[in-house]
Amino acid sequence: MKKIINDPADFVDEMVEGILLAHPDEVKTPGEDKRVLVRADAPLTGKVGIITGGGSGHLPLFKGYVGKGLCSGVAIGNVFSSPSVQQIADAAKAVDGGRGVLFLYGNYGGDVFNFDLASDMLELDDIETKTVLGRDDVASQPKDRKLDRRGVAGIFFAYKAAGAAAERGDDLERVAEIAERVVDNTATMGVGLSPTILPTTGAPSFELPDGEMEIGIGIHGEPGIHRGALTTADEIADSIFDAVSADLDLASGDRVAVLVNGLGATPLEELYLLYRRVHQRLEGLGVKIERRYIGEYATSLEMAGASISLLKLDDEMLDLLDAPARSPFFEEVGR
């Protein structure tokens, strides 16, 4: 294992400290616990707060999307581990502007358990919360069980839309409804080429023989739906596209946003090869591509591989995607 680290036990805290030192004008910690980050201007009186959270190892997910037009704060867990109930509650209290807080995070058991307990705690402080779960990974469950799917890179679209809605002053119910609508219209699938090496153990997150790939792998190394010989970029893109487009029932005249996401160790050039093929396939279906995002939006440390997300758009979703947003890891000046 070769990693640029100090003591593995200090990996997360030192990483967060680096973010705070590098971006003091954008994020802050409201107390002594560095596992709680919020916008530098939090709380914003009269606006809905949005809290996300989850395990470290996925930067810029989750902590990278704290900023204007995005999330208000984040609770940070150890690598691939949930944040604590107290950290989640502290983050929500720090961003509460008097109009409630939306919990927006991926659908993983430990996160759900701790966020639900934090919501119960916040009732005692008269802070209203609503929850929307990212669940865009079509490989994790069939369509008739989509409520049980994992949340992966497609949650970026929900951050963007919900964050813009909160920024313009929508109430909690409306912000949650928008986030839910985006989640319901997002589909993602990934491909893994090599595993993550966990900093605390030095062990790989999964085993994959040389020359093989795994379609549908999760961002923690959860098993996919197909393992076999590595194929061409176009064949990989076709396999993923067939699954996500069918899941959304895409048809001629539909409009989409496309996200081609690198998992940590895949060159940007290769992501553009995947986008090229997705673009060709969407054009062939008569689907209009309204917005494109290519880069690293949700990683798994140094896992080699990528994911492709499609969001079926309506007019309001597109307007919200186009709203200004800024965080240490993302900037959209608006259209």
Protein backbone atom coordinates (compact mmCIF):
# COMPACT_ATOMS: atom_id res chain seq x y z
CA MET A 1 0.00 0.00 0.00
CA LYS A 2 1.28 3.46 -0.92
CA LYS A 3 -0.65 6.38 0.55
CA ILE A 4 0.23 9.94 1.51
CA ILE A 5 -0.85 9.74 5.15
CA ASN A 6 0.42 10.17 8.67
CA ASP A 7 -1.11 8.00 11.39
CA PRO A 8 -4.02 6.15 9.73
CA ALA A 9 -6.13 6.80 12.83
CA ASP A 10 -5.79 10.56 12.21
CA PHE A 11 -6.57 10.39 8.49
CA VAL A 12 -10.09 11.86 8.58
CA ASP A 13 -9.46 14.55 11.17
CA GLU A 14 -6.30 15.77 9.45
CA MET A 15 -8.06 15.81 6.08
CA VAL A 16 -10.91 17.91 7.50
CA GLU A 17 -8.39 20.22 9.16
CA GLY A 18 -6.79 20.73 5.76
CA ILE A 19 -10.14 21.68 4.23
CA LEU A 20 -10.82 24.18 7.02
CA LEU A 21 -7.38 25.75 6.65
CA ALA A 22 -7.66 25.94 2.86
CA HIS A 23 -11.21 27.32 2.67
CA PRO A 24 -11.89 29.45 5.78
CA ASP A 25 -14.08 31.84 3.81
CA GLU A 26 -16.42 29.03 2.72
CA VAL A 27 -16.71 26.48 5.54
CA LYS A 28 -16.32 26.42 9.30
CA THR A 29 -16.84 24.11 12.24
CA PRO A 30 -19.41 25.50 14.68
CA GLY A 31 -17.83 23.86 17.73
CA GLU A 32 -14.79 21.85 18.68
CA ASP A 33 -15.80 18.72 16.76
CA LYS A 34 -14.12 18.89 13.35
CA ARG A 35 -16.47 16.19 12.10
CA VAL A 36 -19.17 18.87 11.79
CA LEU A 37 -18.76 21.38 8.96
CA VAL A 38 -21.19 24.11 7.95
CA ARG A 39 -21.28 27.03 5.55
CA ALA A 40 -19.18 29.94 6.71
CA ASP A 41 -22.31 32.13 6.77
CA ALA A 42 -24.48 29.63 8.68
CA PRO A 43 -27.07 29.88 10.06
CA LEU A 44 -29.15 31.79 7.49
CA THR A 45 -32.20 33.18 9.23
CA GLY A 46 -35.43 32.51 7.37
CA LYS A 47 -34.04 29.78 5.12
CA VAL A 48 -34.32 26.00 5.19
CA GLY A 49 -31.12 24.23 6.19
CA ILE A 50 -29.87 21.14 4.37
CA ILE A 51 -27.71 18.60 6.17
CA THR A 52 -25.97 15.70 4.50
CA GLY A 53 -23.48 13.20 5.84
CA GLY A 54 -21.87 9.81 5.59
CA GLY A 55 -18.55 8.08 5.66
CA SER A 56 -15.32 9.67 4.52
CA GLY A 57 -13.47 8.36 1.49
CA HIS A 58 -15.83 9.76 -1.13
CA LEU A 59 -14.63 13.36 -1.53
CA PRO A 60 -16.15 15.56 -2.85
CA LEU A 61 -19.12 13.58 -1.56
CA PHE A 62 -20.36 14.46 1.09
CA LYS A 63 -18.40 17.28 2.67
CA GLY A 64 -17.53 18.85 -0.67
CA TYR A 65 -21.08 20.03 -1.29
CA VAL A 66 -21.39 22.44 1.63
CA GLY A 67 -21.83 25.94 0.29
CA LYS A 68 -24.10 28.50 -1.32
CA GLY A 69 -26.87 26.90 -3.36
CA LEU A 70 -25.95 23.44 -2.08
CA CYS A 71 -25.96 21.89 1.41
CA SER A 72 -25.79 23.95 4.59
CA GLY A 73 -23.73 21.46 6.59
CA VAL A 74 -22.38 17.95 6.88
CA ALA A 75 -21.71 15.34 9.55
CA ILE A 76 -18.55 13.37 8.78
CA GLY A 77 -17.91 9.74 9.64
CA ASN A 78 -14.76 7.64 9.51
CA VAL A 79 -13.85 6.05 6.19
CA PHE A 80 -16.94 4.21 4.93
CA SER A 81 -18.61 4.63 8.36
CA SER A 82 -21.59 6.65 9.51
CA PRO A 83 -21.31 9.89 11.47
CA SER A 84 -22.62 9.84 15.03
CA VAL A 85 -26.09 10.88 16.10
CA GLN A 86 -24.62 13.80 18.05
CA GLN A 87 -22.63 15.04 15.07
CA ILE A 88 -25.73 15.00 12.89
CA ALA A 89 -27.78 16.84 15.52
CA ASP A 90 -25.01 19.40 16.07
CA ALA A 91 -24.82 20.07 12.33
CA ALA A 92 -28.57 20.61 12.13
CA LYS A 93 -28.61 22.98 15.11
CA ALA A 94 -25.76 24.98 13.60
CA VAL A 95 -27.62 25.64 10.33
CA ASP A 96 -31.18 26.00 11.63
CA GLY A 97 -32.55 29.33 10.46
CA GLY A 98 -36.00 28.86 11.92
CA ARG A 99 -37.62 27.14 8.93
CA GLY A 100 -36.54 23.57 9.52
CA VAL A 101 -33.83 21.28 8.22
CA LEU A 102 -33.82 18.76 5.39
CA PHE A 103 -31.73 15.62 5.88
CA LEU A 104 -30.46 14.62 2.42
CA TYR A 105 -28.08 11.66 2.33
CA GLY A 106 -27.50 8.21 0.82
CA ASN A 107 -29.63 5.19 1.65
CA TYR A 108 -27.28 3.15 3.86
CA GLY A 109 -28.43 1.37 7.02
CA GLY A 110 -26.09 2.98 9.54
CA ASP A 111 -26.70 6.47 8.18
CA VAL A 112 -30.48 6.00 8.20
CA PHE A 113 -30.42 4.75 11.79
CA ASN A 114 -28.31 7.64 13.09
CA PHE A 115 -30.07 10.37 11.12
CA ASP A 116 -33.45 9.10 12.35
CA LEU A 117 -32.24 9.21 15.97
CA ALA A 118 -30.89 12.73 15.41
CA SER A 119 -34.28 13.79 14.06
CA ASP A 120 -35.89 12.53 17.26
CA MET A 121 -33.37 14.52 19.33
CA LEU A 122 -34.06 17.69 17.35
CA GLU A 123 -37.78 17.50 18.12
CA LEU A 124 -36.86 18.35 21.71
CA ASP A 125 -35.33 21.61 20.41
CA ASP A 126 -38.41 22.35 18.25
CA ILE A 127 -36.38 21.92 15.04
CA GLU A 128 -38.53 20.38 12.33
CA THR A 129 -36.80 17.93 10.00
CA LYS A 130 -37.68 16.05 6.85
CA THR A 131 -35.65 13.29 5.22
CA VAL A 132 -34.98 12.46 1.57
CA LEU A 133 -32.71 9.52 0.74
CA GLY A 134 -30.51 9.30 -2.32
CA ARG A 135 -31.30 5.94 -3.94
CA ASP A 136 -30.14 6.11 -7.53
CA ASP A 137 -28.02 2.93 -7.86
CA VAL A 138 -30.09 0.79 -10.22
CA ALA A 139 -27.74 -2.19 -9.76
CA SER A 140 -28.51 -2.48 -6.06
CA GLN A 141 -32.21 -3.34 -6.37
CA PRO A 142 -34.72 -3.92 -9.20
CA LYS A 143 -37.15 -1.18 -10.16
CA ASP A 144 -40.00 -2.61 -8.07
CA ARG A 145 -37.76 -2.18 -5.00
CA LYS A 146 -36.27 1.20 -5.89
CA LEU A 147 -36.96 2.56 -2.40
CA ASP A 148 -34.32 0.12 -1.12
CA ARG A 149 -31.60 1.18 -3.55
CA ARG A 150 -28.23 2.61 -2.50
CA GLY A 151 -27.44 6.27 -2.97
CA VAL A 152 -24.43 7.03 -5.16
CA ALA A 153 -23.20 9.86 -7.39
CA GLY A 154 -26.64 10.90 -8.62
CA ILE A 155 -27.35 12.53 -5.26
CA PHE A 156 -25.36 15.46 -6.66
CA PHE A 157 -28.43 16.43 -8.67
CA ALA A 158 -30.56 16.46 -5.52
CA TYR A 159 -28.00 18.62 -3.68
CA LYS A 160 -28.03 21.08 -6.54
CA ALA A 161 -31.80 21.31 -6.94
CA ALA A 162 -32.72 21.27 -3.24
CA GLY A 163 -29.93 23.71 -2.44
CA ALA A 164 -31.17 26.15 -5.06
CA ALA A 165 -34.74 25.84 -3.77
CA ALA A 166 -33.64 26.57 -0.21
CA GLU A 167 -31.53 29.49 -1.41
CA ARG A 168 -34.52 31.12 -3.12
CA GLY A 169 -36.58 30.82 0.07
CA ASP A 170 -38.81 27.78 -0.45
CA ASP A 171 -40.28 26.23 2.69
CA LEU A 172 -39.19 22.86 4.08
CA GLU A 173 -42.01 20.87 2.53
CA ARG A 174 -41.28 22.32 -0.90
CA VAL A 175 -37.51 21.80 -0.66
CA ALA A 176 -38.08 18.17 0.37
CA GLU A 177 -40.56 17.64 -2.47
CA ILE A 178 -38.08 18.93 -5.02
CA ALA A 179 -35.31 16.73 -3.64
CA GLU A 180 -37.62 13.70 -3.74
CA ARG A 181 -38.67 14.43 -7.32
CA VAL A 182 -35.07 14.66 -8.43
CA VAL A 183 -34.17 11.41 -6.65
CA ASP A 184 -37.14 9.64 -8.26
CA ASN A 185 -35.97 10.71 -11.72
CA THR A 186 -32.28 9.85 -11.31
CA ALA A 187 -30.63 6.55 -12.26
CA THR A 188 -26.97 5.58 -11.85
CA MET A 189 -24.77 2.56 -12.49
CA GLY A 190 -21.03 2.15 -12.10
CA VAL A 191 -18.13 -0.01 -13.18
CA GLY A 192 -15.13 -0.94 -11.02
CA LEU A 193 -11.68 -1.82 -12.38
CA SER A 194 -9.64 -1.99 -9.18
CA PRO A 195 -10.39 -1.81 -5.45
CA THR A 196 -9.99 0.85 -2.81
CA ILE A 197 -7.28 0.30 -0.20
CA LEU A 198 -8.61 1.24 3.24
CA PRO A 199 -6.14 3.53 5.06
CA THR A 200 -6.75 2.05 8.50
CA THR A 201 -6.18 -1.60 7.50
CA GLY A 202 -4.23 -1.51 4.25
CA ALA A 203 -6.69 -4.10 2.92
CA PRO A 204 -8.55 -3.84 -0.41
CA SER A 205 -12.29 -3.23 -0.28
CA PHE A 206 -12.86 -6.14 -2.70
CA GLU A 207 -10.88 -8.55 -4.88
CA LEU A 208 -10.85 -8.24 -8.66
CA PRO A 209 -8.45 -10.28 -10.81
CA ASP A 210 -6.24 -8.54 -13.33
CA GLY A 211 -7.96 -7.93 -16.64
CA GLU A 212 -11.48 -8.04 -15.17
CA MET A 213 -14.14 -5.44 -14.44
CA GLU A 214 -17.31 -5.44 -12.36
CA ILE A 215 -20.44 -3.71 -13.67
CA GLY A 216 -22.79 -2.39 -11.00
CA ILE A 217 -20.25 -2.27 -8.17
CA GLY A 218 -21.08 -0.04 -5.19
CA ILE A 219 -18.96 2.83 -3.91
CA HIS A 220 -17.82 0.73 -0.93
CA GLY A 221 -17.06 -2.29 -3.09
CA GLU A 222 -20.53 -3.84 -2.79
CA PRO A 223 -21.02 -6.63 -5.35
CA GLY A 224 -22.25 -5.66 -8.79
CA ILE A 225 -24.38 -7.51 -11.32
CA HIS A 226 -21.72 -8.73 -13.74
CA ARG A 227 -18.03 -9.59 -13.46
CA GLY A 228 -16.00 -10.48 -16.50
CA ALA A 229 -13.19 -9.55 -18.86
CA LEU A 230 -12.50 -5.84 -19.32
CA THR A 231 -14.19 -4.64 -22.51
CA THR A 232 -13.98 -1.44 -24.58
CA ALA A 233 -15.13 1.96 -23.37
CA ASP A 234 -18.09 1.87 -25.77
CA GLU A 235 -19.16 -1.56 -24.56
CA ILE A 236 -18.94 -0.47 -20.92
CA ALA A 237 -20.94 2.67 -21.66
CA ASP A 238 -23.55 0.66 -23.57
CA SER A 239 -24.00 -1.80 -20.70
CA ILE A 240 -24.53 0.99 -18.20
CA PHE A 241 -26.61 3.15 -20.52
CA ASP A 242 -28.98 0.31 -21.38
CA ALA A 243 -29.70 -0.19 -17.67
CA VAL A 244 -30.14 3.44 -16.60
CA SER A 245 -32.11 4.55 -19.67
CA ALA A 246 -34.51 1.62 -19.32
CA ASP A 247 -34.95 2.36 -15.63
CA LEU A 248 -36.04 5.92 -16.46
CA ASP A 249 -38.18 4.79 -19.43
CA LEU A 250 -36.42 7.32 -21.63
CA ALA A 251 -38.11 8.08 -24.94
CA SER A 252 -37.81 10.52 -27.80
CA GLY A 253 -38.56 14.06 -26.66
CA ASP A 254 -37.34 13.56 -23.09
CA ARG A 255 -34.68 15.88 -21.64
CA VAL A 256 -31.83 14.83 -19.38
CA ALA A 257 -28.80 15.94 -17.43
CA VAL A 258 -25.81 13.61 -17.69
CA LEU A 259 -23.19 12.97 -15.01
CA VAL A 260 -20.12 10.89 -15.84
CA ASN A 261 -18.30 10.43 -12.56
CA GLY A 262 -14.80 9.16 -11.83
CA LEU A 263 -14.38 6.93 -8.78
CA GLY A 264 -10.94 8.25 -7.80
CA ALA A 265 -8.25 6.77 -10.05
CA THR A 266 -9.68 7.09 -13.54
CA PRO A 267 -8.19 9.69 -15.90
CA LEU A 268 -10.50 12.45 -17.09
CA GLU A 269 -9.73 11.41 -20.66
CA GLU A 270 -11.40 8.05 -20.04
CA LEU A 271 -14.47 9.73 -18.58
CA TYR A 272 -14.84 11.69 -21.80
CA LEU A 273 -14.71 8.44 -23.77
CA LEU A 274 -17.69 7.24 -21.75
CA TYR A 275 -19.50 10.55 -22.19
CA ARG A 276 -18.94 10.40 -25.96
CA ARG A 277 -20.77 7.10 -26.17
CA VAL A 278 -23.58 8.17 -23.83
CA HIS A 279 -24.07 11.29 -25.95
CA GLN A 280 -24.32 9.14 -29.09
CA ARG A 281 -26.86 6.82 -27.48
CA LEU A 282 -29.04 9.66 -26.22
CA GLU A 283 -29.01 11.32 -29.62
CA GLY A 284 -30.02 8.00 -31.14
CA LEU A 285 -33.04 7.86 -28.82
CA GLY A 286 -34.06 11.43 -29.63
CA VAL A 287 -33.38 12.55 -26.05
CA LYS A 288 -32.15 16.12 -25.58
CA ILE A 289 -29.08 16.60 -23.37
CA GLU A 290 -29.64 19.82 -21.44
CA ARG A 291 -26.68 19.72 -19.03
CA ARG A 292 -23.44 17.75 -18.78
CA TYR A 293 -21.18 17.11 -15.80
CA ILE A 294 -17.93 15.17 -16.29
CA GLY A 295 -15.38 14.72 -13.49
CA GLU A 296 -15.07 13.43 -9.95
CA TYR A 297 -18.29 14.05 -8.02
CA ALA A 298 -18.42 10.97 -5.76
CA THR A 299 -15.28 8.89 -5.37
CA SER A 300 -14.15 5.83 -3.45
CA LEU A 301 -10.61 6.82 -2.50
CA GLU A 302 -8.39 5.38 -5.26
CA MET A 303 -10.88 2.95 -6.83
CA ALA A 304 -10.47 2.81 -10.61
CA GLY A 305 -13.76 3.00 -12.43
CA ALA A 306 -16.63 5.31 -13.20
CA SER A 307 -20.36 5.75 -12.95
CA ILE A 308 -22.95 7.22 -15.27
CA SER A 309 -26.02 9.05 -13.95
CA LEU A 310 -29.00 10.35 -15.88
CA LEU A 311 -31.61 12.76 -14.53
CA LYS A 312 -34.87 13.04 -16.46
CA LEU A 313 -35.62 16.74 -16.35
CA ASP A 314 -38.63 19.00 -16.16
CA ASP A 315 -38.56 22.80 -16.47
CA GLU A 316 -38.22 23.47 -12.74
CA MET A 317 -35.42 20.96 -12.26
CA LEU A 318 -33.47 22.57 -15.10
CA ASP A 319 -33.94 26.05 -13.63
CA LEU A 320 -32.66 24.80 -10.27
CA LEU A 321 -29.64 23.09 -11.81
CA ASP A 322 -28.83 26.41 -13.47
CA ALA A 323 -28.95 28.44 -10.25
CA PRO A 324 -25.67 29.80 -8.83
CA ALA A 325 -23.82 27.49 -6.45
CA ARG A 326 -20.41 27.48 -4.84
CA SER A 327 -18.47 25.22 -2.50
CA PRO A 328 -14.76 24.42 -2.10
CA PHE A 329 -15.23 21.65 -4.67
CA PHE A 330 -17.96 22.90 -7.01
CA GLU A 331 -18.89 26.16 -8.66
CA GLU A 332 -21.77 27.05 -11.00
CA VAL A 333 -22.10 30.75 -11.73
CA GLY A 334 -25.65 30.40 -13.03
CA ARG A 335 -27.17 30.72 -16.47
